[in-house]
Amino acid sequence: MKELLGSPGTVSGLLLRSGQFLFASSSIGVMVSALGFSNYTAYCYLIASMGLQALWSFGLACLDIYALRVRRDLRNPVLVSLFVVGDWVTATLSLAAACSSGGIAVLYAKDLKFCTGPSKFPCSRYEFSVALAFVTWFLIAISSHVMFWILASL
């Protein structure tokens, strides 16, 4: 079978999972550094979703490192099925969290005018965290599609 970019147990898969972990962790870090994020449910959901994504990606990156060190093929139907389900669940949660948080950020900036005026609402950090969450989702979407095609080929 032709090796797909981002397959489990490959260097490209490790780089993809590392990128997911890095962007999810960065999204969490930026959001936590903004004052008052915990007052908004969508931002708390973003933190929870990115936390789950970071844990999932870190775990699979560790599995990729193991597979690369011992030269093991991870294309077992049961294992790939687990990867597919985990990737699709985390991708769905990440997209939902990024979209809801993005909607709130736009609402505050454009409609409620929280980002202008004397309150100094930390909108730029919220928006940057949401942007990082969308990058995370894009990477997990690539990974979930690769896993789906690998499962279909087994």
C-alpha atoms as a PDB file:
ATOM      1  CA  MET A   1       0.000   0.000   0.000  1.00  0.00           C
ATOM      2  CA  LYS A   2       1.162   3.508  -0.769  1.00  0.00           C
ATOM      3  CA  GLU A   3       2.291   5.401   2.325  1.00  0.00           C
ATOM      4  CA  LEU A   4       0.105   8.425   3.017  1.00  0.00           C
ATOM      5  CA  LEU A   5       1.462  11.656   4.436  1.00  0.00           C
ATOM      6  CA  GLY A   6       0.651  11.653   8.148  1.00  0.00           C
ATOM      7  CA  SER A   7       0.329   7.893   8.555  1.00  0.00           C
ATOM      8  CA  PRO A   8       0.797   6.579  12.087  1.00  0.00           C
ATOM      9  CA  GLY A   9       4.290   5.442  12.916  1.00  0.00           C
ATOM     10  CA  THR A  10       5.973   7.699  10.353  1.00  0.00           C
ATOM     11  CA  VAL A  11       7.990  10.887  10.656  1.00  0.00           C
ATOM     12  CA  SER A  12       5.252  12.847   8.874  1.00  0.00           C
ATOM     13  CA  GLY A  13       2.682  11.433  11.312  1.00  0.00           C
ATOM     14  CA  LEU A  14       4.877  12.466  14.223  1.00  0.00           C
ATOM     15  CA  LEU A  15       5.231  15.983  12.811  1.00  0.00           C
ATOM     16  CA  LEU A  16       1.464  16.227  12.279  1.00  0.00           C
ATOM     17  CA  ARG A  17       0.715  15.104  15.846  1.00  0.00           C
ATOM     18  CA  SER A  18       3.413  17.391  17.241  1.00  0.00           C
ATOM     19  CA  GLY A  19       1.885  20.330  15.384  1.00  0.00           C
ATOM     20  CA  GLN A  20      -1.547  19.488  16.752  1.00  0.00           C
ATOM     21  CA  PHE A  21      -0.152  19.349  20.278  1.00  0.00           C
ATOM     22  CA  LEU A  22       1.825  22.575  19.862  1.00  0.00           C
ATOM     23  CA  PHE A  23      -1.086  24.608  18.463  1.00  0.00           C
ATOM     24  CA  ALA A  24      -3.616  23.225  20.961  1.00  0.00           C
ATOM     25  CA  SER A  25      -1.276  23.970  23.862  1.00  0.00           C
ATOM     26  CA  SER A  26      -0.581  27.437  22.486  1.00  0.00           C
ATOM     27  CA  SER A  27      -4.299  28.123  22.190  1.00  0.00           C
ATOM     28  CA  ILE A  28      -4.749  27.136  25.822  1.00  0.00           C
ATOM     29  CA  GLY A  29      -1.787  29.247  26.934  1.00  0.00           C
ATOM     30  CA  VAL A  30      -2.941  32.365  25.131  1.00  0.00           C
ATOM     31  CA  MET A  31      -6.512  32.013  26.380  1.00  0.00           C
ATOM     32  CA  VAL A  32      -5.445  31.437  29.975  1.00  0.00           C
ATOM     33  CA  SER A  33      -3.210  34.510  29.833  1.00  0.00           C
ATOM     34  CA  ALA A  34      -6.232  36.700  28.963  1.00  0.00           C
ATOM     35  CA  LEU A  35      -8.031  38.025  31.997  1.00  0.00           C
ATOM     36  CA  GLY A  36     -11.675  37.122  32.418  1.00  0.00           C
ATOM     37  CA  PHE A  37     -11.899  34.247  29.947  1.00  0.00           C
ATOM     38  CA  SER A  38     -13.545  32.026  32.563  1.00  0.00           C
ATOM     39  CA  ASN A  39     -16.604  34.284  32.599  1.00  0.00           C
ATOM     40  CA  TYR A  40     -17.565  33.063  29.129  1.00  0.00           C
ATOM     41  CA  THR A  41     -18.785  29.536  28.497  1.00  0.00           C
ATOM     42  CA  ALA A  42     -17.553  29.350  24.903  1.00  0.00           C
ATOM     43  CA  TYR A  43     -13.998  30.157  25.963  1.00  0.00           C
ATOM     44  CA  CYS A  44     -14.113  27.579  28.766  1.00  0.00           C
ATOM     45  CA  TYR A  45     -15.339  25.036  26.215  1.00  0.00           C
ATOM     46  CA  LEU A  46     -12.431  25.998  23.958  1.00  0.00           C
ATOM     47  CA  ILE A  47      -9.978  25.354  26.795  1.00  0.00           C
ATOM     48  CA  ALA A  48     -11.560  21.964  27.538  1.00  0.00           C
ATOM     49  CA  SER A  49     -11.616  20.954  23.874  1.00  0.00           C
ATOM     50  CA  MET A  50      -8.039  22.043  23.242  1.00  0.00           C
ATOM     51  CA  GLY A  51      -6.963  20.239  26.418  1.00  0.00           C
ATOM     52  CA  LEU A  52      -8.501  17.006  25.164  1.00  0.00           C
ATOM     53  CA  GLN A  53      -6.911  17.583  21.760  1.00  0.00           C
ATOM     54  CA  ALA A  54      -3.499  18.199  23.312  1.00  0.00           C
ATOM     55  CA  LEU A  55      -3.716  15.003  25.370  1.00  0.00           C
ATOM     56  CA  TRP A  56      -4.862  12.928  22.382  1.00  0.00           C
ATOM     57  CA  SER A  57      -2.173  14.332  20.092  1.00  0.00           C
ATOM     58  CA  PHE A  58       0.548  13.936  22.710  1.00  0.00           C
ATOM     59  CA  GLY A  59      -0.415  10.320  23.286  1.00  0.00           C
ATOM     60  CA  LEU A  60      -0.366   9.511  19.589  1.00  0.00           C
ATOM     61  CA  ALA A  61       2.924  11.380  19.117  1.00  0.00           C
ATOM     62  CA  CYS A  62       4.436   9.196  21.841  1.00  0.00           C
ATOM     63  CA  LEU A  63       3.071   6.128  20.027  1.00  0.00           C
ATOM     64  CA  ASP A  64       4.633   7.393  16.782  1.00  0.00           C
ATOM     65  CA  ILE A  65       7.991   7.824  18.526  1.00  0.00           C
ATOM     66  CA  TYR A  66       7.755   4.280  19.871  1.00  0.00           C
ATOM     67  CA  ALA A  67       6.848   2.884  16.445  1.00  0.00           C
ATOM     68  CA  LEU A  68       9.739   4.736  14.816  1.00  0.00           C
ATOM     69  CA  ARG A  69      12.240   3.530  17.429  1.00  0.00           C
ATOM     70  CA  VAL A  70      11.285  -0.150  17.215  1.00  0.00           C
ATOM     71  CA  ARG A  71      10.373   0.008  13.502  1.00  0.00           C
ATOM     72  CA  ARG A  72       6.856  -1.232  14.062  1.00  0.00           C
ATOM     73  CA  ASP A  73       3.988  -0.875  11.599  1.00  0.00           C
ATOM     74  CA  LEU A  74       0.893   0.610  13.242  1.00  0.00           C
ATOM     75  CA  ARG A  75      -1.517  -0.318  10.442  1.00  0.00           C
ATOM     76  CA  ASN A  76      -3.475  -2.841  12.458  1.00  0.00           C
ATOM     77  CA  PRO A  77      -7.242  -2.656  11.671  1.00  0.00           C
ATOM     78  CA  VAL A  78      -8.227  -2.442  15.346  1.00  0.00           C
ATOM     79  CA  LEU A  79      -5.621   0.206  16.132  1.00  0.00           C
ATOM     80  CA  VAL A  80      -6.460   2.274  13.048  1.00  0.00           C
ATOM     81  CA  SER A  81     -10.182   2.047  13.934  1.00  0.00           C
ATOM     82  CA  LEU A  82      -9.355   3.502  17.345  1.00  0.00           C
ATOM     83  CA  PHE A  83      -7.345   6.281  15.687  1.00  0.00           C
ATOM     84  CA  VAL A  84     -10.218   7.072  13.313  1.00  0.00           C
ATOM     85  CA  VAL A  85     -12.801   7.313  16.087  1.00  0.00           C
ATOM     86  CA  GLY A  86     -10.516   9.385  18.328  1.00  0.00           C
ATOM     87  CA  ASP A  87      -9.518  11.733  15.523  1.00  0.00           C
ATOM     88  CA  TRP A  88     -13.090  12.270  14.341  1.00  0.00           C
ATOM     89  CA  VAL A  89     -14.355  12.912  17.878  1.00  0.00           C
ATOM     90  CA  THR A  90     -11.578  15.364  18.701  1.00  0.00           C
ATOM     91  CA  ALA A  91     -11.900  17.028  15.285  1.00  0.00           C
ATOM     92  CA  THR A  92     -15.629  17.561  15.807  1.00  0.00           C
ATOM     93  CA  LEU A  93     -15.128  18.933  19.316  1.00  0.00           C
ATOM     94  CA  SER A  94     -12.281  21.195  18.180  1.00  0.00           C
ATOM     95  CA  LEU A  95     -14.286  22.623  15.299  1.00  0.00           C
ATOM     96  CA  ALA A  96     -17.321  23.229  17.502  1.00  0.00           C
ATOM     97  CA  ALA A  97     -15.219  24.955  20.156  1.00  0.00           C
ATOM     98  CA  ALA A  98     -13.331  27.090  17.643  1.00  0.00           C
ATOM     99  CA  CYS A  99     -16.527  28.146  15.862  1.00  0.00           C
ATOM    100  CA  SER A 100     -18.412  29.000  19.041  1.00  0.00           C
ATOM    101  CA  SER A 101     -15.460  30.934  20.442  1.00  0.00           C
ATOM    102  CA  GLY A 102     -14.931  32.687  17.129  1.00  0.00           C
ATOM    103  CA  GLY A 103     -18.593  33.697  17.087  1.00  0.00           C
ATOM    104  CA  ILE A 104     -18.302  35.165  20.567  1.00  0.00           C
ATOM    105  CA  ALA A 105     -15.119  37.020  19.634  1.00  0.00           C
ATOM    106  CA  VAL A 106     -16.839  38.558  16.595  1.00  0.00           C
ATOM    107  CA  LEU A 107     -19.917  39.395  18.655  1.00  0.00           C
ATOM    108  CA  TYR A 108     -17.821  41.222  21.245  1.00  0.00           C
ATOM    109  CA  ALA A 109     -15.672  43.037  18.698  1.00  0.00           C
ATOM    110  CA  LYS A 110     -18.295  44.070  16.141  1.00  0.00           C
ATOM    111  CA  ASP A 111     -21.690  44.141  17.816  1.00  0.00           C
ATOM    112  CA  LEU A 112     -21.145  44.853  21.489  1.00  0.00           C
ATOM    113  CA  LYS A 113     -18.089  47.086  21.050  1.00  0.00           C
ATOM    114  CA  PHE A 114     -16.289  45.515  24.036  1.00  0.00           C
ATOM    115  CA  CYS A 115     -12.975  45.812  22.250  1.00  0.00           C
ATOM    116  CA  THR A 116     -13.121  49.577  22.062  1.00  0.00           C
ATOM    117  CA  GLY A 117     -13.453  51.923  24.946  1.00  0.00           C
ATOM    118  CA  PRO A 118     -12.111  52.232  28.456  1.00  0.00           C
ATOM    119  CA  SER A 119     -12.699  48.609  29.562  1.00  0.00           C
ATOM    120  CA  LYS A 120      -9.622  47.339  27.660  1.00  0.00           C
ATOM    121  CA  PHE A 121     -11.288  44.003  27.005  1.00  0.00           C
ATOM    122  CA  PRO A 122      -8.560  41.480  26.027  1.00  0.00           C
ATOM    123  CA  CYS A 123     -10.037  40.789  22.590  1.00  0.00           C
ATOM    124  CA  SER A 124      -6.766  40.349  20.747  1.00  0.00           C
ATOM    125  CA  ARG A 125      -5.754  37.440  22.979  1.00  0.00           C
ATOM    126  CA  TYR A 126      -9.162  35.825  22.613  1.00  0.00           C
ATOM    127  CA  GLU A 127      -9.003  36.190  18.844  1.00  0.00           C
ATOM    128  CA  PHE A 128      -5.451  34.843  18.657  1.00  0.00           C
ATOM    129  CA  SER A 129      -6.396  31.842  20.790  1.00  0.00           C
ATOM    130  CA  VAL A 130      -9.351  31.138  18.487  1.00  0.00           C
ATOM    131  CA  ALA A 131      -7.084  31.397  15.439  1.00  0.00           C
ATOM    132  CA  LEU A 132      -4.706  28.855  16.985  1.00  0.00           C
ATOM    133  CA  ALA A 133      -7.690  26.591  17.665  1.00  0.00           C
ATOM    134  CA  PHE A 134      -8.670  26.747  13.987  1.00  0.00           C
ATOM    135  CA  VAL A 135      -5.120  25.804  12.957  1.00  0.00           C
ATOM    136  CA  THR A 136      -5.325  22.890  15.399  1.00  0.00           C
ATOM    137  CA  TRP A 137      -8.605  21.814  13.860  1.00  0.00           C
ATOM    138  CA  PHE A 138      -7.133  22.019  10.356  1.00  0.00           C
ATOM    139  CA  LEU A 139      -4.283  19.711  11.373  1.00  0.00           C
ATOM    140  CA  ILE A 140      -6.607  17.232  13.075  1.00  0.00           C
ATOM    141  CA  ALA A 141      -8.879  17.293  10.017  1.00  0.00           C
ATOM    142  CA  ILE A 142      -5.925  16.263   7.847  1.00  0.00           C
ATOM    143  CA  SER A 143      -5.047  13.522  10.297  1.00  0.00           C
ATOM    144  CA  SER A 144      -8.609  12.218  10.552  1.00  0.00           C
ATOM    145  CA  HIS A 145      -8.939  12.016   6.769  1.00  0.00           C
ATOM    146  CA  VAL A 146      -5.634  10.157   6.450  1.00  0.00           C
ATOM    147  CA  MET A 147      -6.723   7.698   9.122  1.00  0.00           C
ATOM    148  CA  PHE A 148     -10.055   7.190   7.386  1.00  0.00           C
ATOM    149  CA  TRP A 149      -8.348   6.368   4.076  1.00  0.00           C
ATOM    150  CA  ILE A 150      -5.931   3.994   5.797  1.00  0.00           C
ATOM    151  CA  LEU A 151      -8.841   2.197   7.471  1.00  0.00           C
ATOM    152  CA  ALA A 152     -10.670   1.977   4.146  1.00  0.00           C
ATOM    153  CA  SER A 153      -7.620   0.419   2.505  1.00  0.00           C
ATOM    154  CA  LEU A 154      -7.114  -2.265   5.167  1.00  0.00           C
END
